[in-house]
N, C-alpha and C. Protein backbone atom coordinates (compact mmCIF):
# COMPACT_ATOMS: atom_id res chain seq x y z
N UNK A 1 7.70 -13.14 23.07
CA UNK A 1 7.45 -12.30 21.96
C UNK A 1 6.05 -11.87 22.66
N UNK A 2 5.81 -10.20 22.31
CA UNK A 2 4.74 -10.02 22.95
C UNK A 2 4.25 -8.82 21.60
N UNK A 3 2.96 -9.29 20.98
CA UNK A 3 1.89 -8.24 19.81
C UNK A 3 0.54 -7.82 20.68
N UNK A 4 0.53 -6.06 20.55
CA UNK A 4 -0.58 -6.13 21.52
C UNK A 4 -0.70 -4.78 20.69
N UNK A 5 -2.61 -5.41 20.63
CA UNK A 5 -3.17 -4.23 19.79
C UNK A 5 -4.23 -3.43 20.69
N UNK A 6 -4.57 -2.11 20.21
CA UNK A 6 -5.22 -1.50 21.03
C UNK A 6 -6.17 -0.15 20.12
N UNK A 7 -7.16 0.32 20.68
CA UNK A 7 -7.07 1.01 19.56
C UNK A 7 -9.31 0.92 19.34
N UNK A 8 -9.61 -0.36 19.50
CA UNK A 8 -10.69 -0.57 19.27
C UNK A 8 -11.70 0.03 20.20
N UNK A 9 -13.10 -0.02 19.43
CA UNK A 9 -14.41 0.66 20.42
C UNK A 9 -15.37 0.43 19.47
N UNK A 10 -16.13 1.33 19.51
CA UNK A 10 -17.77 1.56 18.87
C UNK A 10 -17.50 3.05 17.95
N UNK A 11 -18.11 2.43 17.01
CA UNK A 11 -18.43 4.13 15.98
C UNK A 11 -19.44 3.93 14.94
N UNK A 12 -19.67 4.94 14.48
CA UNK A 12 -20.89 5.37 14.10
C UNK A 12 -20.36 5.24 12.23
N UNK A 13 -21.42 4.91 11.44
CA UNK A 13 -20.60 4.37 10.12
C UNK A 13 -20.59 6.38 9.75
N UNK A 14 -19.19 5.81 9.08
CA UNK A 14 -18.57 7.26 8.84
C UNK A 14 -18.06 7.92 9.25
N UNK A 15 -17.50 7.14 10.36
CA UNK A 15 -16.57 7.52 11.60
C UNK A 15 -15.37 7.09 11.30
N UNK A 16 -14.74 7.37 12.18
CA UNK A 16 -13.29 7.18 12.03
C UNK A 16 -12.69 6.05 13.43
N UNK A 17 -11.24 5.61 12.97
CA UNK A 17 -10.84 4.82 14.67
C UNK A 17 -9.11 4.84 13.88
N UNK A 18 -8.56 4.54 15.31
CA UNK A 18 -7.34 4.20 14.73
C UNK A 18 -6.95 3.06 15.54
N UNK A 19 -6.38 2.09 15.37
CA UNK A 19 -5.89 0.90 15.43
C UNK A 19 -4.05 1.57 15.63
N UNK A 20 -3.73 0.83 16.90
CA UNK A 20 -2.30 1.01 17.15
C UNK A 20 -1.51 -0.66 17.94
N UNK A 21 -0.51 -1.16 16.78
CA UNK A 21 0.15 -2.24 17.48
C UNK A 21 1.44 -2.49 17.59
N UNK A 22 1.68 -2.78 18.64
CA UNK A 22 2.79 -2.38 19.81
C UNK A 22 3.98 -4.55 20.21
N UNK A 23 4.96 -4.21 19.39
CA UNK A 23 5.71 -5.38 19.43
C UNK A 23 6.96 -5.25 20.16
N UNK A 24 6.88 -6.80 20.94
CA UNK A 24 8.06 -6.36 21.80
C UNK A 24 8.80 -8.12 21.88
N UNK A 25 10.18 -8.01 22.07
CA UNK A 25 10.63 -9.23 22.44
C UNK A 25 10.76 -10.19 20.48
N UNK A 26 11.36 -9.52 19.82
CA UNK A 26 12.21 -9.79 18.29
C UNK A 26 12.31 -8.48 17.47
N UNK A 27 13.29 -8.97 16.80
CA UNK A 27 13.96 -7.87 15.92
C UNK A 27 13.43 -7.34 14.65
N UNK A 28 12.10 -5.88 15.57
CA UNK A 28 11.23 -5.91 14.48
C UNK A 28 11.49 -5.47 13.21
N UNK A 29 12.55 -5.39 12.93
CA UNK A 29 12.93 -4.71 11.44
C UNK A 29 13.09 -6.08 10.53
N UNK A 30 13.36 -7.14 11.06
CA UNK A 30 13.24 -8.52 10.64
C UNK A 30 12.12 -8.91 10.30
N UNK A 31 10.56 -8.11 10.14
CA UNK A 31 9.16 -8.49 10.09
C UNK A 31 8.37 -7.64 9.40
N UNK A 32 7.74 -8.16 8.69
CA UNK A 32 6.95 -7.65 7.47
C UNK A 32 5.55 -7.67 8.75
N UNK A 33 4.86 -6.66 9.03
CA UNK A 33 3.43 -6.23 9.73
C UNK A 33 2.58 -6.38 8.92
N UNK A 34 1.52 -6.76 9.71
CA UNK A 34 0.31 -7.33 8.60
C UNK A 34 -1.20 -6.79 9.74
N UNK A 35 -2.04 -6.45 8.97
CA UNK A 35 -3.84 -6.33 9.70
C UNK A 35 -4.33 -7.04 9.04
N UNK A 36 -5.19 -8.36 10.11
CA UNK A 36 -6.02 -8.83 9.70
C UNK A 36 -7.48 -8.88 10.32
N UNK A 37 -8.92 -9.24 9.98
CA UNK A 37 -9.68 -8.97 10.56
C UNK A 37 -10.58 -10.05 10.49
N UNK A 38 -11.58 -10.43 11.74
CA UNK A 38 -12.52 -11.60 11.72
C UNK A 38 -13.80 -11.10 12.00
N UNK A 39 -15.07 -11.30 11.24
CA UNK A 39 -16.00 -11.12 11.23
C UNK A 39 -16.87 -12.40 12.02
N UNK A 40 -17.91 -12.33 12.72
CA UNK A 40 -18.69 -13.69 13.17
C UNK A 40 -18.98 -14.04 12.07
N UNK A 41 -18.87 -15.60 12.35
CA UNK A 41 -19.27 -16.67 10.85
C UNK A 41 -18.33 -16.45 10.31
N UNK A 42 -17.24 -15.53 9.86
CA UNK A 42 -15.96 -15.37 8.53
C UNK A 42 -14.80 -16.23 8.63
N UNK A 43 -14.35 -16.13 7.97
CA UNK A 43 -12.63 -16.46 7.87
C UNK A 43 -11.99 -15.43 8.37
N UNK A 44 -11.05 -15.51 8.70
CA UNK A 44 -10.03 -14.18 8.79
C UNK A 44 -9.85 -13.76 7.23
N UNK A 45 -9.57 -12.69 7.18
CA UNK A 45 -9.13 -12.14 6.12
C UNK A 45 -8.02 -11.25 5.71
N UNK A 46 -6.92 -10.56 4.85
CA UNK A 46 -5.81 -9.69 5.30
C UNK A 46 -6.48 -8.57 4.61
N UNK A 47 -6.09 -7.63 5.69
CA UNK A 47 -6.43 -5.72 5.92
C UNK A 47 -5.62 -5.30 5.13
N UNK A 48 -4.49 -5.11 5.81
CA UNK A 48 -3.25 -4.01 5.27
C UNK A 48 -2.08 -4.31 5.65
N UNK A 49 -0.68 -4.36 4.62
CA UNK A 49 0.21 -4.95 5.44
C UNK A 49 1.35 -4.02 4.60
N UNK A 50 2.34 -4.03 5.65
CA UNK A 50 3.74 -2.81 5.27
C UNK A 50 5.09 -3.95 5.47
N UNK A 51 5.78 -3.31 4.22
CA UNK A 51 7.22 -4.17 4.45
C UNK A 51 8.09 -3.90 5.74
N UNK A 52 9.00 -4.32 5.99
CA UNK A 52 9.70 -4.55 7.16
C UNK A 52 10.53 -2.91 6.99
N UNK A 53 10.99 -2.32 6.10
CA UNK A 53 11.11 -0.83 6.15
C UNK A 53 10.19 -0.15 5.99
N UNK A 54 9.12 -0.09 5.86
CA UNK A 54 7.89 0.73 5.40
C UNK A 54 7.94 1.51 4.48
N UNK A 55 8.63 0.66 3.31
CA UNK A 55 8.72 1.28 2.08
C UNK A 55 7.75 1.00 1.74
N UNK A 56 6.41 -0.04 1.97
CA UNK A 56 5.72 -1.04 0.26
C UNK A 56 4.44 -1.13 1.45
N UNK A 57 3.30 -0.50 1.04
CA UNK A 57 2.16 -0.93 1.69
C UNK A 57 1.34 -1.66 0.32
N UNK A 58 0.43 -2.36 1.16
CA UNK A 58 -0.30 -3.01 0.26
C UNK A 58 -1.88 -2.96 1.35
N UNK A 59 -3.13 -3.15 0.41
CA UNK A 59 -4.26 -2.97 1.02
C UNK A 59 -5.32 -3.80 0.22
N UNK A 60 -6.27 -4.82 1.15
CA UNK A 60 -7.65 -5.22 0.80
C UNK A 60 -8.29 -4.48 0.39
N UNK A 61 -8.96 -4.79 -1.50
CA UNK A 61 -9.62 -4.00 -2.21
C UNK A 61 -10.93 -2.87 -1.36
N UNK A 62 -11.38 -3.89 -0.16
CA UNK A 62 -12.24 -3.19 0.14
C UNK A 62 -11.85 -2.48 1.62
N UNK A 63 -11.27 -1.71 1.28
CA UNK A 63 -10.69 -0.98 2.37
C UNK A 63 -9.83 0.07 1.67
N UNK A 64 -9.17 0.13 0.40
CA UNK A 64 -8.71 0.60 -0.64
C UNK A 64 -8.95 2.31 -0.35
N UNK A 65 -8.22 3.55 -0.23
CA UNK A 65 -8.62 4.55 -0.13
C UNK A 65 -9.57 4.97 0.82
N UNK A 66 -9.79 4.19 2.60
CA UNK A 66 -10.46 4.58 3.81
C UNK A 66 -9.42 3.78 4.65
N UNK A 67 -8.56 3.12 4.47
CA UNK A 67 -7.52 2.39 5.81
C UNK A 67 -6.07 3.56 5.55
N UNK A 68 -5.25 3.45 6.33
CA UNK A 68 -3.96 3.74 5.67
C UNK A 68 -3.54 3.24 7.09
N UNK A 69 -2.26 2.26 6.35
CA UNK A 69 -1.15 1.73 7.34
C UNK A 69 0.08 2.09 7.44
N UNK A 70 0.46 2.62 8.59
CA UNK A 70 2.03 3.22 9.28
C UNK A 70 2.64 2.07 10.10
N UNK A 71 3.93 2.35 10.08
CA UNK A 71 5.19 1.65 10.65
C UNK A 71 5.85 2.63 11.44
N UNK A 72 5.93 2.57 12.34
CA UNK A 72 7.57 3.19 13.13
C UNK A 72 8.59 2.02 13.79
N UNK A 73 9.66 2.13 13.19
CA UNK A 73 10.92 1.43 13.60
C UNK A 73 11.25 1.46 14.69
N UNK A 74 11.14 2.81 15.22
CA UNK A 74 11.92 3.43 16.15
C UNK A 74 10.86 3.10 17.62
N UNK A 75 9.94 3.04 17.46
CA UNK A 75 8.74 2.79 18.11
C UNK A 75 8.15 1.62 18.25
N UNK A 76 9.00 0.68 17.32
CA UNK A 76 8.31 -0.72 17.26
C UNK A 76 6.58 -0.85 16.93
N UNK A 77 6.06 0.34 16.39
CA UNK A 77 4.95 0.33 16.60
C UNK A 77 4.39 0.09 15.25
N UNK A 78 2.83 -0.41 14.49
CA UNK A 78 2.30 -0.11 13.49
C UNK A 78 1.19 0.49 13.66
N UNK A 79 0.13 1.00 12.98
CA UNK A 79 -0.99 1.48 13.13
C UNK A 79 -1.64 1.36 12.22
N UNK A 80 -3.05 1.89 12.07
CA UNK A 80 -4.26 1.08 10.98
C UNK A 80 -5.02 2.59 11.61
N UNK A 81 -4.92 3.67 10.65
CA UNK A 81 -5.95 4.93 10.81
C UNK A 81 -7.27 4.15 9.41
N UNK A 82 -8.44 4.26 10.20
CA UNK A 82 -9.49 3.79 9.53
C UNK A 82 -10.81 4.92 9.46
N UNK A 83 -10.65 5.42 8.10
CA UNK A 83 -11.51 6.45 7.73
C UNK A 83 -12.69 5.85 7.39
N UNK A 84 -13.86 6.67 7.31
CA UNK A 84 -15.43 6.21 6.39
C UNK A 84 -15.67 4.77 6.81
N UNK A 85 -15.69 4.09 8.33
CA UNK A 85 -16.27 3.17 8.41
C UNK A 85 -17.55 2.70 7.79
N UNK A 86 -17.45 1.94 7.83
CA UNK A 86 -19.00 0.99 7.18
C UNK A 86 -19.43 -0.10 8.25
N UNK A 87 -20.94 -0.24 8.37
CA UNK A 87 -20.80 -1.33 8.97
C UNK A 87 -20.25 -2.87 8.54
N UNK A 88 -19.77 -2.99 7.14
CA UNK A 88 -19.33 -4.62 6.92
C UNK A 88 -17.96 -4.29 7.43
N UNK A 89 -17.39 -3.37 8.32
CA UNK A 89 -15.96 -3.61 8.60
C UNK A 89 -15.76 -4.07 10.05
N UNK A 90 -16.87 -4.35 10.88
CA UNK A 90 -17.21 -4.57 12.10
C UNK A 90 -16.74 -6.03 12.09
N UNK A 91 -15.38 -5.96 13.09
CA UNK A 91 -15.02 -7.33 13.20
C UNK A 91 -13.88 -7.25 14.48
N UNK A 92 -13.29 -8.37 14.87
CA UNK A 92 -12.01 -8.40 15.84
C UNK A 92 -11.00 -8.11 14.54
N UNK A 93 -10.03 -7.09 14.89
CA UNK A 93 -8.92 -6.63 14.32
C UNK A 93 -7.59 -7.78 15.02
N UNK A 94 -7.10 -7.73 14.08
CA UNK A 94 -5.63 -8.80 14.70
C UNK A 94 -4.33 -8.31 13.95
N UNK A 95 -3.38 -7.88 14.61
CA UNK A 95 -2.01 -7.59 14.28
C UNK A 95 -1.28 -8.78 14.04
N UNK A 96 -0.56 -9.11 13.25
CA UNK A 96 0.39 -10.19 12.79
C UNK A 96 1.79 -9.32 12.65
N UNK A 97 2.91 -10.12 13.23
CA UNK A 97 4.57 -9.83 12.70
C UNK A 97 4.71 -11.13 12.26
N UNK A 98 5.31 -11.18 10.74
CA UNK A 98 5.02 -12.01 9.57
C UNK A 98 6.79 -12.19 9.81
N UNK A 99 7.31 -13.58 9.32
CA UNK A 99 8.57 -13.74 8.64
C UNK A 99 8.64 -13.01 7.68
N UNK A 100 9.70 -12.43 7.00
CA UNK A 100 9.99 -11.87 5.98
C UNK A 100 10.04 -13.43 4.87
N UNK A 101 8.74 -13.38 3.69
CA UNK A 101 8.98 -14.22 3.03
C UNK A 101 8.54 -15.87 3.49
N UNK A 102 8.03 -15.47 4.34
CA UNK A 102 7.07 -17.01 4.98
C UNK A 102 5.30 -16.12 5.07
N UNK A 103 5.27 -17.41 5.83
CA UNK A 103 3.69 -17.08 6.75
C UNK A 103 4.24 -16.86 8.04
N UNK A 104 4.71 -17.69 8.47
CA UNK A 104 5.02 -17.80 10.11
C UNK A 104 5.58 -16.77 10.86
N UNK A 105 4.90 -16.68 12.04
CA UNK A 105 4.82 -15.67 12.49
C UNK A 105 4.01 -14.96 13.94
N UNK A 106 3.82 -14.10 14.49
CA UNK A 106 3.33 -13.86 15.92
C UNK A 106 1.84 -12.90 15.94
N UNK A 107 0.65 -13.62 16.64
CA UNK A 107 -0.35 -12.66 16.41
C UNK A 107 -0.32 -12.11 17.48
N UNK A 108 -1.03 -10.79 17.39
CA UNK A 108 -1.86 -10.45 19.04
C UNK A 108 -3.14 -11.36 19.32
N UNK A 109 -3.91 -10.40 20.11
CA UNK A 109 -5.07 -11.05 20.96
C UNK A 109 -6.44 -10.77 20.54
N UNK A 110 -6.16 -9.30 19.49
CA UNK A 110 -7.16 -8.83 18.66
C UNK A 110 -7.83 -7.79 19.50
N UNK A 111 -8.36 -6.92 19.05
CA UNK A 111 -9.16 -5.73 19.17
C UNK A 111 -10.58 -5.64 18.58
N UNK A 112 -11.65 -5.41 19.21
CA UNK A 112 -12.90 -5.39 18.32
C UNK A 112 -13.19 -3.93 17.95
N UNK A 113 -13.62 -4.09 16.91
CA UNK A 113 -14.26 -2.92 16.08
C UNK A 113 -15.84 -2.76 16.09
N UNK A 114 -16.50 -2.33 16.28
CA UNK A 114 -17.84 -2.40 15.99
C UNK A 114 -18.17 -1.09 15.36
N UNK A 115 -19.09 -1.16 14.41
CA UNK A 115 -19.54 -0.06 13.29
C UNK A 115 -20.85 0.00 13.26
N UNK A 116 -21.78 1.02 14.37
CA UNK A 116 -22.92 0.57 14.34
C UNK A 116 -23.44 1.73 14.52
N UNK A 117 -24.98 1.93 14.09
CA UNK A 117 -25.46 3.44 14.65
C UNK A 117 -26.54 3.37 16.05
């Protein structure tokens, strides 16, 4: 199984970035997909999630209205569009393929997002 994130980088406050995550080696439509992030010295936290059919999405309060998660079951990818970025969004962002109704799953290696002027 491979979960591979891409799209991180350095951006100024107020800017935008789009993260992508591609999954292989599992039955993609059996998995809920989630984004997490971990800032230095902090616990890993949930950012956004989408159900296996893409019909329902959820977001952390801190990113609601700024981040949008999408899913393409044909391409086996998910994306996280991040707008109006803030310095406090700086973190390593991780994609996770999670078995439905459990917390078991597969993590990507992470991609660094740095918001700084």
